[in-house]
PDB file of N, CA and C in Angstrom:
ATOM      1  N   UNK A   1     -13.727  16.316 -10.975  1.00  0.00           N
ATOM      2  CA  UNK A   1     -12.416  15.858 -11.435  1.00  0.00           C
ATOM      3  C   UNK A   1     -11.312  15.859 -10.568  1.00  0.00           C
ATOM      4  N   UNK A   2     -10.495  14.618 -10.513  1.00  0.00           N
ATOM      5  CA  UNK A   2      -9.374  14.466  -9.787  1.00  0.00           C
ATOM      6  C   UNK A   2      -8.132  14.365 -10.959  1.00  0.00           C
ATOM      7  N   UNK A   3      -7.067  15.548 -10.664  1.00  0.00           N
ATOM      8  CA  UNK A   3      -6.045  15.126 -11.470  1.00  0.00           C
ATOM      9  C   UNK A   3      -4.763  14.877 -10.768  1.00  0.00           C
ATOM     10  N   UNK A   4      -4.148  13.787 -11.266  1.00  0.00           N
ATOM     11  CA  UNK A   4      -2.628  13.677 -10.630  1.00  0.00           C
ATOM     12  C   UNK A   4      -1.768  13.599 -11.381  1.00  0.00           C
ATOM     13  N   UNK A   5      -0.949  14.178 -10.933  1.00  0.00           N
ATOM     14  CA  UNK A   5       0.609  14.906 -11.815  1.00  0.00           C
ATOM     15  C   UNK A   5       1.743  14.016 -10.995  1.00  0.00           C
ATOM     16  N   UNK A   6       2.643  13.590 -12.086  1.00  0.00           N
ATOM     17  CA  UNK A   6       3.974  12.815 -11.540  1.00  0.00           C
ATOM     18  C   UNK A   6       3.460  11.730 -10.911  1.00  0.00           C
ATOM     19  N   UNK A   7       2.679  10.751 -11.562  1.00  0.00           N
ATOM     20  CA  UNK A   7       2.111   9.696 -11.109  1.00  0.00           C
ATOM     21  C   UNK A   7       3.254   8.533 -10.781  1.00  0.00           C
ATOM     22  N   UNK A   8       3.433   7.680  -9.894  1.00  0.00           N
ATOM     23  CA  UNK A   8       4.462   6.628  -9.727  1.00  0.00           C
ATOM     24  C   UNK A   8       3.555   5.452  -9.186  1.00  0.00           C
ATOM     25  N   UNK A   9       4.481   4.611  -8.991  1.00  0.00           N
ATOM     26  CA  UNK A   9       3.798   3.185  -8.495  1.00  0.00           C
ATOM     27  C   UNK A   9       2.937   3.355  -7.164  1.00  0.00           C
ATOM     28  N   UNK A  10       3.598   3.942  -6.367  1.00  0.00           N
ATOM     29  CA  UNK A  10       3.211   4.290  -4.756  1.00  0.00           C
ATOM     30  C   UNK A  10       2.507   5.433  -4.534  1.00  0.00           C
ATOM     31  N   UNK A  11       2.621   6.806  -5.319  1.00  0.00           N
ATOM     32  CA  UNK A  11       2.124   7.726  -4.756  1.00  0.00           C
ATOM     33  C   UNK A  11       2.283   8.757  -6.127  1.00  0.00           C
ATOM     34  N   UNK A  12       1.483   9.719  -5.958  1.00  0.00           N
ATOM     35  CA  UNK A  12       1.843  11.086  -6.877  1.00  0.00           C
ATOM     36  C   UNK A  12       2.184  12.108  -6.309  1.00  0.00           C
ATOM     37  N   UNK A  13       3.078  12.831  -6.878  1.00  0.00           N
ATOM     38  CA  UNK A  13       3.662  13.959  -6.301  1.00  0.00           C
ATOM     39  C   UNK A  13       2.704  15.242  -5.891  1.00  0.00           C
ATOM     40  N   UNK A  14       1.557  15.384  -7.008  1.00  0.00           N
ATOM     41  CA  UNK A  14       0.527  16.143  -6.659  1.00  0.00           C
ATOM     42  C   UNK A  14      -0.673  15.433  -7.044  1.00  0.00           C
ATOM     43  N   UNK A  15      -1.645  15.925  -6.421  1.00  0.00           N
ATOM     44  CA  UNK A  15      -3.083  15.409  -6.437  1.00  0.00           C
ATOM     45  C   UNK A  15      -4.020  16.823  -6.423  1.00  0.00           C
ATOM     46  N   UNK A  16      -4.656  17.149  -7.557  1.00  0.00           N
ATOM     47  CA  UNK A  16      -5.708  18.399  -7.379  1.00  0.00           C
ATOM     48  C   UNK A  16      -6.975  18.011  -7.821  1.00  0.00           C
ATOM     49  N   UNK A  17      -7.748  18.592  -6.874  1.00  0.00           N
ATOM     50  CA  UNK A  17      -9.163  18.340  -6.661  1.00  0.00           C
ATOM     51  C   UNK A  17      -9.941  19.573  -6.176  1.00  0.00           C
ATOM     52  N   UNK A  18     -10.983  20.120  -6.858  1.00  0.00           N
ATOM     53  CA  UNK A  18     -11.714  21.176  -6.430  1.00  0.00           C
ATOM     54  C   UNK A  18     -10.991  22.167  -5.861  1.00  0.00           C
ATOM     55  N   UNK A  19     -10.009  22.912  -6.883  1.00  0.00           N
ATOM     56  CA  UNK A  19      -9.327  23.729  -6.359  1.00  0.00           C
ATOM     57  C   UNK A  19      -8.246  23.956  -5.113  1.00  0.00           C
ATOM     58  N   UNK A  20      -7.857  22.513  -4.831  1.00  0.00           N
ATOM     59  CA  UNK A  20      -7.057  21.990  -3.836  1.00  0.00           C
ATOM     60  C   UNK A  20      -5.943  21.350  -4.317  1.00  0.00           C
ATOM     61  N   UNK A  21      -4.569  21.573  -4.183  1.00  0.00           N
ATOM     62  CA  UNK A  21      -3.420  20.902  -4.589  1.00  0.00           C
ATOM     63  C   UNK A  21      -2.707  19.879  -3.217  1.00  0.00           C
ATOM     64  N   UNK A  22      -2.656  18.980  -3.130  1.00  0.00           N
ATOM     65  CA  UNK A  22      -2.245  17.975  -2.363  1.00  0.00           C
ATOM     66  C   UNK A  22      -0.913  17.659  -2.842  1.00  0.00           C
ATOM     67  N   UNK A  23       0.141  17.927  -1.948  1.00  0.00           N
ATOM     68  CA  UNK A  23       1.678  17.704  -2.410  1.00  0.00           C
ATOM     69  C   UNK A  23       1.935  16.682  -1.494  1.00  0.00           C
ATOM     70  N   UNK A  24       2.481  15.642  -2.096  1.00  0.00           N
ATOM     71  CA  UNK A  24       3.421  14.621  -1.477  1.00  0.00           C
ATOM     72  C   UNK A  24       4.471  15.207  -0.604  1.00  0.00           C
ATOM     73  N   UNK A  25       4.597  14.332   0.589  1.00  0.00           N
ATOM     74  CA  UNK A  25       5.712  15.063   1.553  1.00  0.00           C
ATOM     75  C   UNK A  25       7.077  15.316   0.873  1.00  0.00           C
ATOM     76  N   UNK A  26       7.710  16.374   1.269  1.00  0.00           N
ATOM     77  CA  UNK A  26       8.940  16.769   0.789  1.00  0.00           C
ATOM     78  C   UNK A  26      10.135  16.578   1.629  1.00  0.00           C
ATOM     79  N   UNK A  27      11.202  16.132   1.398  1.00  0.00           N
ATOM     80  CA  UNK A  27      12.375  16.012   2.142  1.00  0.00           C
ATOM     81  C   UNK A  27      13.564  16.837   1.447  1.00  0.00           C
ATOM     82  N   UNK A  28      14.624  17.122   2.199  1.00  0.00           N
ATOM     83  CA  UNK A  28      15.805  18.041   1.664  1.00  0.00           C
ATOM     84  C   UNK A  28      17.051  17.140   1.628  1.00  0.00           C
ATOM     85  N   UNK A  29      17.835  17.867   0.988  1.00  0.00           N
ATOM     86  CA  UNK A  29      19.223  17.405   1.026  1.00  0.00           C
ATOM     87  C   UNK A  29      20.048  18.400   2.087  1.00  0.00           C
ATOM     88  N   UNK A  30      21.042  18.043   2.528  1.00  0.00           N
ATOM     89  CA  UNK A  30      21.869  19.011   3.547  1.00  0.00           C
ATOM     90  C   UNK A  30      22.555  18.162   4.509  1.00  0.00           C
ATOM     91  N   UNK A  31      23.183  18.974   5.507  1.00  0.00           N
ATOM     92  CA  UNK A  31      23.961  18.012   6.850  1.00  0.00           C
ATOM     93  C   UNK A  31      23.200  18.579   7.771  1.00  0.00           C
ATOM     94  N   UNK A  32      22.517  19.779   7.816  1.00  0.00           N
ATOM     95  CA  UNK A  32      21.897  20.296   8.930  1.00  0.00           C
ATOM     96  C   UNK A  32      20.431  20.619   8.943  1.00  0.00           C
ATOM     97  N   UNK A  33      19.658  20.734   9.949  1.00  0.00           N
ATOM     98  CA  UNK A  33      18.154  20.800   9.443  1.00  0.00           C
ATOM     99  C   UNK A  33      18.013  22.089   8.755  1.00  0.00           C
ATOM    100  N   UNK A  34      18.806  23.245   9.027  1.00  0.00           N
ATOM    101  CA  UNK A  34      18.433  24.524   8.191  1.00  0.00           C
ATOM    102  C   UNK A  34      18.708  24.089   6.969  1.00  0.00           C
ATOM    103  N   UNK A  35      19.774  23.394   6.314  1.00  0.00           N
ATOM    104  CA  UNK A  35      19.908  23.190   4.943  1.00  0.00           C
ATOM    105  C   UNK A  35      18.840  22.384   4.024  1.00  0.00           C
ATOM    106  N   UNK A  36      18.511  21.321   5.217  1.00  0.00           N
ATOM    107  CA  UNK A  36      17.579  20.348   4.856  1.00  0.00           C
ATOM    108  C   UNK A  36      16.239  21.158   4.439  1.00  0.00           C
ATOM    109  N   UNK A  37      15.627  21.840   5.488  1.00  0.00           N
ATOM    110  CA  UNK A  37      14.377  22.658   5.298  1.00  0.00           C
ATOM    111  C   UNK A  37      14.421  23.667   3.981  1.00  0.00           C
ATOM    112  N   UNK A  38      15.761  24.574   3.772  1.00  0.00           N
ATOM    113  CA  UNK A  38      15.741  25.329   2.688  1.00  0.00           C
ATOM    114  C   UNK A  38      15.621  24.388   1.340  1.00  0.00           C
ATOM    115  N   UNK A  39      16.286  23.238   1.292  1.00  0.00           N
ATOM    116  CA  UNK A  39      15.888  22.598   0.119  1.00  0.00           C
ATOM    117  C   UNK A  39      14.612  21.901  -0.052  1.00  0.00           C
ATOM    118  N   UNK A  40      14.008  21.540   1.145  1.00  0.00           N
ATOM    119  CA  UNK A  40      12.628  20.973   1.025  1.00  0.00           C
ATOM    120  C   UNK A  40      11.592  22.006   0.456  1.00  0.00           C
ATOM    121  N   UNK A  41      11.953  23.331   1.004  1.00  0.00           N
ATOM    122  CA  UNK A  41      10.888  24.364   0.534  1.00  0.00           C
ATOM    123  C   UNK A  41      11.130  24.726  -0.869  1.00  0.00           C
ATOM    124  N   UNK A  42      12.267  24.352  -1.136  1.00  0.00           N
ATOM    125  CA  UNK A  42      12.403  24.876  -2.746  1.00  0.00           C
ATOM    126  C   UNK A  42      11.723  23.859  -3.603  1.00  0.00           C
ATOM    127  N   UNK A  43      11.798  22.541  -3.066  1.00  0.00           N
ATOM    128  CA  UNK A  43      11.119  21.549  -3.544  1.00  0.00           C
ATOM    129  C   UNK A  43       9.602  21.519  -3.643  1.00  0.00           C
ATOM    130  N   UNK A  44       9.067  22.294  -2.397  1.00  0.00           N
ATOM    131  CA  UNK A  44       7.587  22.477  -2.321  1.00  0.00           C
ATOM    132  C   UNK A  44       7.555  23.724  -3.302  1.00  0.00           C
ATOM    133  N   UNK A  45       8.390  24.928  -3.619  1.00  0.00           N
ATOM    134  CA  UNK A  45       7.960  25.717  -4.295  1.00  0.00           C
ATOM    135  C   UNK A  45       7.740  25.212  -5.695  1.00  0.00           C
ATOM    136  N   UNK A  46       8.731  24.211  -6.182  1.00  0.00           N
ATOM    137  CA  UNK A  46       8.653  23.839  -7.642  1.00  0.00           C
ATOM    138  C   UNK A  46       7.357  23.150  -8.058  1.00  0.00           C
ATOM    139  N   UNK A  47       6.862  22.284  -7.015  1.00  0.00           N
ATOM    140  CA  UNK A  47       5.769  21.438  -6.945  1.00  0.00           C
ATOM    141  C   UNK A  47       4.524  22.457  -7.081  1.00  0.00           C
ATOM    142  N   UNK A  48       4.369  23.486  -6.126  1.00  0.00           N
ATOM    143  CA  UNK A  48       3.320  24.424  -6.221  1.00  0.00           C
ATOM    144  C   UNK A  48       3.260  25.120  -7.577  1.00  0.00           C
ATOM    145  N   UNK A  49       4.334  25.442  -7.986  1.00  0.00           N
ATOM    146  CA  UNK A  49       4.303  26.215  -9.480  1.00  0.00           C
ATOM    147  C   UNK A  49       3.851  25.064 -10.459  1.00  0.00           C
ATOM    148  N   UNK A  50       4.010  23.976 -10.369  1.00  0.00           N
ATOM    149  CA  UNK A  50       3.630  22.945 -11.184  1.00  0.00           C
ATOM    150  C   UNK A  50       2.255  22.817 -11.347  1.00  0.00           C
ATOM    151  N   UNK A  51       1.779  23.020  -9.741  1.00  0.00           N
ATOM    152  CA  UNK A  51       0.226  22.783  -9.483  1.00  0.00           C
ATOM    153  C   UNK A  51      -0.511  23.989  -9.975  1.00  0.00           C
ATOM    154  N   UNK A  52      -0.018  24.894 -10.474  1.00  0.00           N
ATOM    155  CA  UNK A  52      -0.668  26.188 -10.650  1.00  0.00           C
ATOM    156  C   UNK A  52      -0.502  27.116  -9.378  1.00  0.00           C
ATOM    157  N   UNK A  53      -0.201  26.960  -8.402  1.00  0.00           N
ATOM    158  CA  UNK A  53      -0.039  27.562  -7.106  1.00  0.00           C
ATOM    159  C   UNK A  53       1.201  28.194  -6.584  1.00  0.00           C
ATOM    160  N   UNK A  54       1.471  28.592  -5.251  1.00  0.00           N
ATOM    161  CA  UNK A  54       2.261  29.445  -4.931  1.00  0.00           C
ATOM    162  C   UNK A  54       2.458  29.400  -3.408  1.00  0.00           C
ATOM    163  N   UNK A  55       3.540  29.778  -2.774  1.00  0.00           N
ATOM    164  CA  UNK A  55       3.497  29.524  -1.175  1.00  0.00           C
ATOM    165  C   UNK A  55       2.380  30.575  -0.571  1.00  0.00           C
ATOM    166  N   UNK A  56       1.951  31.799  -1.431  1.00  0.00           N
ATOM    167  CA  UNK A  56       0.841  32.656  -0.995  1.00  0.00           C
ATOM    168  C   UNK A  56      -0.666  31.894  -0.472  1.00  0.00           C
ATOM    169  N   UNK A  57      -0.642  30.618  -1.292  1.00  0.00           N
ATOM    170  CA  UNK A  57      -1.636  29.869  -1.249  1.00  0.00           C
ATOM    171  C   UNK A  57      -1.813  28.778  -0.650  1.00  0.00           C
ATOM    172  N   UNK A  58      -0.786  28.537   0.081  1.00  0.00           N
ATOM    173  CA  UNK A  58      -0.812  27.139   1.151  1.00  0.00           C
ATOM    174  C   UNK A  58      -1.894  27.396   2.076  1.00  0.00           C
ATOM    175  N   UNK A  59      -2.686  26.394   2.384  1.00  0.00           N
ATOM    176  CA  UNK A  59      -3.832  26.404   3.343  1.00  0.00           C
ATOM    177  C   UNK A  59      -3.267  25.756   4.472  1.00  0.00           C
ATOM    178  N   UNK A  60      -2.571  24.660   4.336  1.00  0.00           N
ATOM    179  CA  UNK A  60      -1.790  24.127   5.601  1.00  0.00           C
ATOM    180  C   UNK A  60      -0.644  23.461   5.382  1.00  0.00           C
ATOM    181  N   UNK A  61       0.269  23.082   6.324  1.00  0.00           N
ATOM    182  CA  UNK A  61       1.499  22.639   6.352  1.00  0.00           C
ATOM    183  C   UNK A  61       1.672  21.882   7.450  1.00  0.00           C
ATOM    184  N   UNK A  62       2.015  20.318   7.082  1.00  0.00           N
ATOM    185  CA  UNK A  62       2.423  19.570   8.290  1.00  0.00           C
ATOM    186  C   UNK A  62       3.859  19.260   8.375  1.00  0.00           C
ATOM    187  N   UNK A  63       4.470  19.445   9.410  1.00  0.00           N
ATOM    188  CA  UNK A  63       5.987  19.341   9.259  1.00  0.00           C
ATOM    189  C   UNK A  63       6.388  18.299  10.541  1.00  0.00           C
ATOM    190  N   UNK A  64       7.235  17.384   9.801  1.00  0.00           N
ATOM    191  CA  UNK A  64       7.633  16.305  10.834  1.00  0.00           C
ATOM    192  C   UNK A  64       9.147  16.452  11.101  1.00  0.00           C
ATOM    193  N   UNK A  65       9.679  16.725  12.225  1.00  0.00           N
ATOM    194  CA  UNK A  65      10.687  16.571  12.582  1.00  0.00           C
ATOM    195  C   UNK A  65      11.450  15.358  13.180  1.00  0.00           C
ATOM    196  N   UNK A  66      12.707  14.835  13.002  1.00  0.00           N
ATOM    197  CA  UNK A  66      13.092  13.655  13.430  1.00  0.00           C
ATOM    198  C   UNK A  66      13.596  13.998  14.982  1.00  0.00           C
ATOM    199  N   UNK A  67      13.590  15.101  15.253  1.00  0.00           N
ATOM    200  CA  UNK A  67      14.355  15.459  16.738  1.00  0.00           C
ATOM    201  C   UNK A  67      13.401  17.102  17.094  1.00  0.00           C
ATOM    202  N   UNK A  68      12.546  16.985  17.913  1.00  0.00           N
ATOM    203  CA  UNK A  68      11.915  18.131  18.335  1.00  0.00           C
ATOM    204  C   UNK A  68      12.986  19.248  18.641  1.00  0.00           C
ATOM    205  N   UNK A  69      14.221  19.046  19.019  1.00  0.00           N
ATOM    206  CA  UNK A  69      15.196  19.890  19.239  1.00  0.00           C
ATOM    207  C   UNK A  69      15.770  20.791  18.352  1.00  0.00           C
ATOM    208  N   UNK A  70      15.163  20.246  17.071  1.00  0.00           N
ATOM    209  CA  UNK A  70      15.702  20.995  15.867  1.00  0.00           C
ATOM    210  C   UNK A  70      14.274  22.042  15.631  1.00  0.00           C
ATOM    211  N   UNK A  71      13.341  22.172  16.367  1.00  0.00           N
ATOM    212  CA  UNK A  71      12.254  23.435  16.050  1.00  0.00           C
ATOM    213  C   UNK A  71      12.642  24.630  15.590  1.00  0.00           C
ATOM    214  N   UNK A  72      13.483  25.095  16.605  1.00  0.00           N
ATOM    215  CA  UNK A  72      14.002  26.521  16.400  1.00  0.00           C
ATOM    216  C   UNK A  72      14.884  26.903  15.208  1.00  0.00           C
ATOM    217  N   UNK A  73      15.551  25.848  14.845  1.00  0.00           N
ATOM    218  CA  UNK A  73      16.243  25.798  13.479  1.00  0.00           C
ATOM    219  C   UNK A  73      15.651  25.811  12.201  1.00  0.00           C
ATOM    220  N   UNK A  74      14.648  24.858  12.171  1.00  0.00           N
ATOM    221  CA  UNK A  74      13.684  24.407  10.962  1.00  0.00           C
ATOM    222  C   UNK A  74      12.730  25.936  11.027  1.00  0.00           C
ATOM    223  N   UNK A  75      12.428  26.390  12.175  1.00  0.00           N
ATOM    224  CA  UNK A  75      11.440  27.703  12.188  1.00  0.00           C
ATOM    225  C   UNK A  75      12.193  28.681  11.628  1.00  0.00           C
ATOM    226  N   UNK A  76      13.465  29.184  11.860  1.00  0.00           N
ATOM    227  CA  UNK A  76      14.211  30.127  11.407  1.00  0.00           C
ATOM    228  C   UNK A  76      14.238  30.385   9.813  1.00  0.00           C
ATOM    229  N   UNK A  77      14.002  29.266   9.404  1.00  0.00           N
ATOM    230  CA  UNK A  77      14.072  29.029   7.755  1.00  0.00           C
ATOM    231  C   UNK A  77      12.691  29.281   7.512  1.00  0.00           C
ATOM    232  N   UNK A  78      11.654  28.335   8.044  1.00  0.00           N
ATOM    233  CA  UNK A  78      10.428  28.678   7.522  1.00  0.00           C
ATOM    234  C   UNK A  78       9.813  30.043   7.855  1.00  0.00           C
ATOM    235  N   UNK A  79      10.255  30.551   8.638  1.00  0.00           N
ATOM    236  CA  UNK A  79       9.935  32.108   8.937  1.00  0.00           C
ATOM    237  C   UNK A  79      10.254  33.050   7.968  1.00  0.00           C
ATOM    238  N   UNK A  80      11.211  32.747   7.576  1.00  0.00           N
ATOM    239  CA  UNK A  80      11.713  33.574   6.541  1.00  0.00           C
ATOM    240  C   UNK A  80      11.231  33.363   4.921  1.00  0.00           C
ATOM    241  N   UNK A  81      10.628  32.154   4.662  1.00  0.00           N
ATOM    242  CA  UNK A  81      10.126  31.548   3.672  1.00  0.00           C
ATOM    243  C   UNK A  81       8.597  32.191   3.445  1.00  0.00           C
ATOM    244  N   UNK A  82       8.004  31.857   4.386  1.00  0.00           N
ATOM    245  CA  UNK A  82       6.546  32.197   4.355  1.00  0.00           C
ATOM    246  C   UNK A  82       6.006  33.589   4.091  1.00  0.00           C
ATOM    247  N   UNK A  83       5.193  33.822   2.955  1.00  0.00           N
ATOM    248  CA  UNK A  83       4.977  35.295   2.669  1.00  0.00           C
ATOM    249  C   UNK A  83       4.072  35.677   3.928  1.00  0.00           C
ATOM    250  N   UNK A  84       4.597  37.093   4.024  1.00  0.00           N
ATOM    251  CA  UNK A  84       4.213  37.929   5.271  1.00  0.00           C
ATOM    252  C   UNK A  84       2.650  37.974   5.119  1.00  0.00           C
ATOM    253  N   UNK A  85       1.799  37.715   6.060  1.00  0.00           N
ATOM    254  CA  UNK A  85       0.426  37.801   6.046  1.00  0.00           C
ATOM    255  C   UNK A  85      -0.325  36.620   5.376  1.00  0.00           C
ATOM    256  N   UNK A  86       0.512  35.582   5.198  1.00  0.00           N
ATOM    257  CA  UNK A  86       0.118  34.431   4.239  1.00  0.00           C
ATOM    258  C   UNK A  86       0.418  33.140   4.990  1.00  0.00           C
ATOM    259  N   UNK A  87       0.890  33.244   6.626  1.00  0.00           N
ATOM    260  CA  UNK A  87       0.814  31.930   7.267  1.00  0.00           C
ATOM    261  C   UNK A  87      -0.310  30.999   7.118  1.00  0.00           C
ATOM    262  N   UNK A  88      -0.042  29.867   6.835  1.00  0.00           N
ATOM    263  CA  UNK A  88      -0.997  28.573   6.877  1.00  0.00           C
ATOM    264  C   UNK A  88      -0.990  28.106   8.050  1.00  0.00           C
ATOM    265  N   UNK A  89      -2.211  27.240   8.131  1.00  0.00           N
ATOM    266  CA  UNK A  89      -2.483  26.477   9.369  1.00  0.00           C
ATOM    267  C   UNK A  89      -1.408  25.429   9.215  1.00  0.00           C
ATOM    268  N   UNK A  90      -0.697  25.416  10.468  1.00  0.00           N
ATOM    269  CA  UNK A  90       0.394  24.360  10.612  1.00  0.00           C
ATOM    270  C   UNK A  90       0.564  23.763  11.782  1.00  0.00           C
ATOM    271  N   UNK A  91       1.066  22.343  11.653  1.00  0.00           N
ATOM    272  CA  UNK A  91       1.020  21.619  12.622  1.00  0.00           C
ATOM    273  C   UNK A  91       2.729  20.941  12.280  1.00  0.00           C
ATOM    274  N   UNK A  92       3.207  20.620  13.680  1.00  0.00           N
ATOM    275  CA  UNK A  92       4.674  20.050  13.718  1.00  0.00           C
ATOM    276  C   UNK A  92       4.881  19.485  14.820  1.00  0.00           C
ATOM    277  N   UNK A  93       5.225  18.262  14.325  1.00  0.00           N
ATOM    278  CA  UNK A  93       5.845  17.121  15.150  1.00  0.00           C
ATOM    279  C   UNK A  93       6.706  16.327  15.000  1.00  0.00           C
ATOM    280  N   UNK A  94       7.110  15.316  16.238  1.00  0.00           N
ATOM    281  CA  UNK A  94       8.270  14.523  16.176  1.00  0.00           C
ATOM    282  C   UNK A  94       7.900  13.261  15.496  1.00  0.00           C
ATOM    283  N   UNK A  95       8.596  12.708  14.387  1.00  0.00           N
ATOM    284  CA  UNK A  95       8.576  11.348  13.960  1.00  0.00           C
ATOM    285  C   UNK A  95       9.586  10.604  13.585  1.00  0.00           C
ATOM    286  N   UNK A  96       9.668   9.311  13.485  1.00  0.00           N
ATOM    287  CA  UNK A  96      10.691   8.749  12.704  1.00  0.00           C
ATOM    288  C   UNK A  96      10.471   8.598  11.286  1.00  0.00           C
ATOM    289  N   UNK A  97      11.895   9.188  10.421  1.00  0.00           N
ATOM    290  CA  UNK A  97      11.452   9.778   9.244  1.00  0.00           C
ATOM    291  C   UNK A  97      12.150   8.485   8.375  1.00  0.00           C
ATOM    292  N   UNK A  98      11.832   8.422   7.013  1.00  0.00           N
ATOM    293  CA  UNK A  98      12.139   7.172   6.210  1.00  0.00           C
ATOM    294  C   UNK A  98      13.300   6.924   6.156  1.00  0.00           C
ATOM    295  N   UNK A  99      14.540   7.911   6.360  1.00  0.00           N
ATOM    296  CA  UNK A  99      15.907   7.447   6.443  1.00  0.00           C
ATOM    297  C   UNK A  99      16.649   8.046   7.556  1.00  0.00           C
ATOM    298  N   UNK A 100      17.486   7.567   8.098  1.00  0.00           N
ATOM    299  CA  UNK A 100      18.134   8.107   9.444  1.00  0.00           C
ATOM    300  C   UNK A 100      18.752   9.644   9.176  1.00  0.00           C
ATOM    301  N   UNK A 101      19.174   9.604   7.873  1.00  0.00           N
ATOM    302  CA  UNK A 101      19.790  11.348   7.583  1.00  0.00           C
ATOM    303  C   UNK A 101      18.948  12.377   7.431  1.00  0.00           C
ATOM    304  N   UNK A 102      17.626  12.020   7.244  1.00  0.00           N
ATOM    305  CA  UNK A 102      16.649  12.998   7.210  1.00  0.00           C
ATOM    306  C   UNK A 102      16.142  13.478   8.460  1.00  0.00           C
ATOM    307  N   UNK A 103      16.248  15.045   8.623  1.00  0.00           N
ATOM    308  CA  UNK A 103      15.946  15.613   9.753  1.00  0.00           C
ATOM    309  C   UNK A 103      14.285  16.305   9.701  1.00  0.00           C
ATOM    310  N   UNK A 104      13.750  16.561   8.618  1.00  0.00           N
ATOM    311  CA  UNK A 104      12.823  17.302   8.134  1.00  0.00           C
ATOM    312  C   UNK A 104      11.742  16.614   7.169  1.00  0.00           C
ATOM    313  N   UNK A 105      10.522  17.001   7.224  1.00  0.00           N
ATOM    314  CA  UNK A 105       9.700  16.452   5.958  1.00  0.00           C
ATOM    315  C   UNK A 105       8.533  17.518   6.214  1.00  0.00           C
ATOM    316  N   UNK A 106       8.171  18.078   4.952  1.00  0.00           N
ATOM    317  CA  UNK A 106       7.044  18.985   4.907  1.00  0.00           C
ATOM    318  C   UNK A 106       6.025  18.513   4.051  1.00  0.00           C
ATOM    319  N   UNK A 107       4.820  18.579   4.612  1.00  0.00           N
ATOM    320  CA  UNK A 107       3.597  18.090   3.798  1.00  0.00           C
ATOM    321  C   UNK A 107       2.771  19.388   3.535  1.00  0.00           C
ATOM    322  N   UNK A 108       2.325  19.543   2.023  1.00  0.00           N
ATOM    323  CA  UNK A 108       1.756  20.856   2.052  1.00  0.00           C
ATOM    324  C   UNK A 108       0.414  20.912   1.069  1.00  0.00           C
ATOM    325  N   UNK A 109      -0.718  21.319   1.641  1.00  0.00           N
ATOM    326  CA  UNK A 109      -1.885  21.439   0.922  1.00  0.00           C
ATOM    327  C   UNK A 109      -2.208  23.011   0.527  1.00  0.00           C
ATOM    328  N   UNK A 110      -2.412  23.181  -0.502  1.00  0.00           N
ATOM    329  CA  UNK A 110      -2.681  24.699  -1.047  1.00  0.00           C
ATOM    330  C   UNK A 110      -3.902  24.696  -2.089  1.00  0.00           C
ATOM    331  N   UNK A 111      -4.485  25.922  -2.239  1.00  0.00           N
ATOM    332  CA  UNK A 111      -5.276  26.602  -3.241  1.00  0.00           C
ATOM    333  C   UNK A 111      -4.554  26.609  -4.244  1.00  0.00           C
ATOM    334  N   UNK A 112      -5.103  26.555  -5.562  1.00  0.00           N
ATOM    335  CA  UNK A 112      -4.652  26.695  -7.025  1.00  0.00           C
ATOM    336  C   UNK A 112      -5.652  27.378  -7.773  1.00  0.00           C
TER     337      UNK A 112
END
């Protein structure tokens, strides 16, 4: 069975299937990459909770940065957020994001 949560015209914010929750890409508010990353991860946590999951159950994270020069700043926030011993498989790359003010977008797949 597939369960869709917060369904919109274009996408669902969460799709659950066979014990796996797929979150739509999350972006954050703020002037810096660190601020946007913190806000983005808070949004991820809220969606994980809604899906019946948590940061310690993340299987994979895909992170897009508008500029790879921001990699260290984003990682400083990420490293403090990921539960010790529960680091997921992760990829990070540079991409043009949906709006010019966005610096980071995070896509999460987690068990629930």
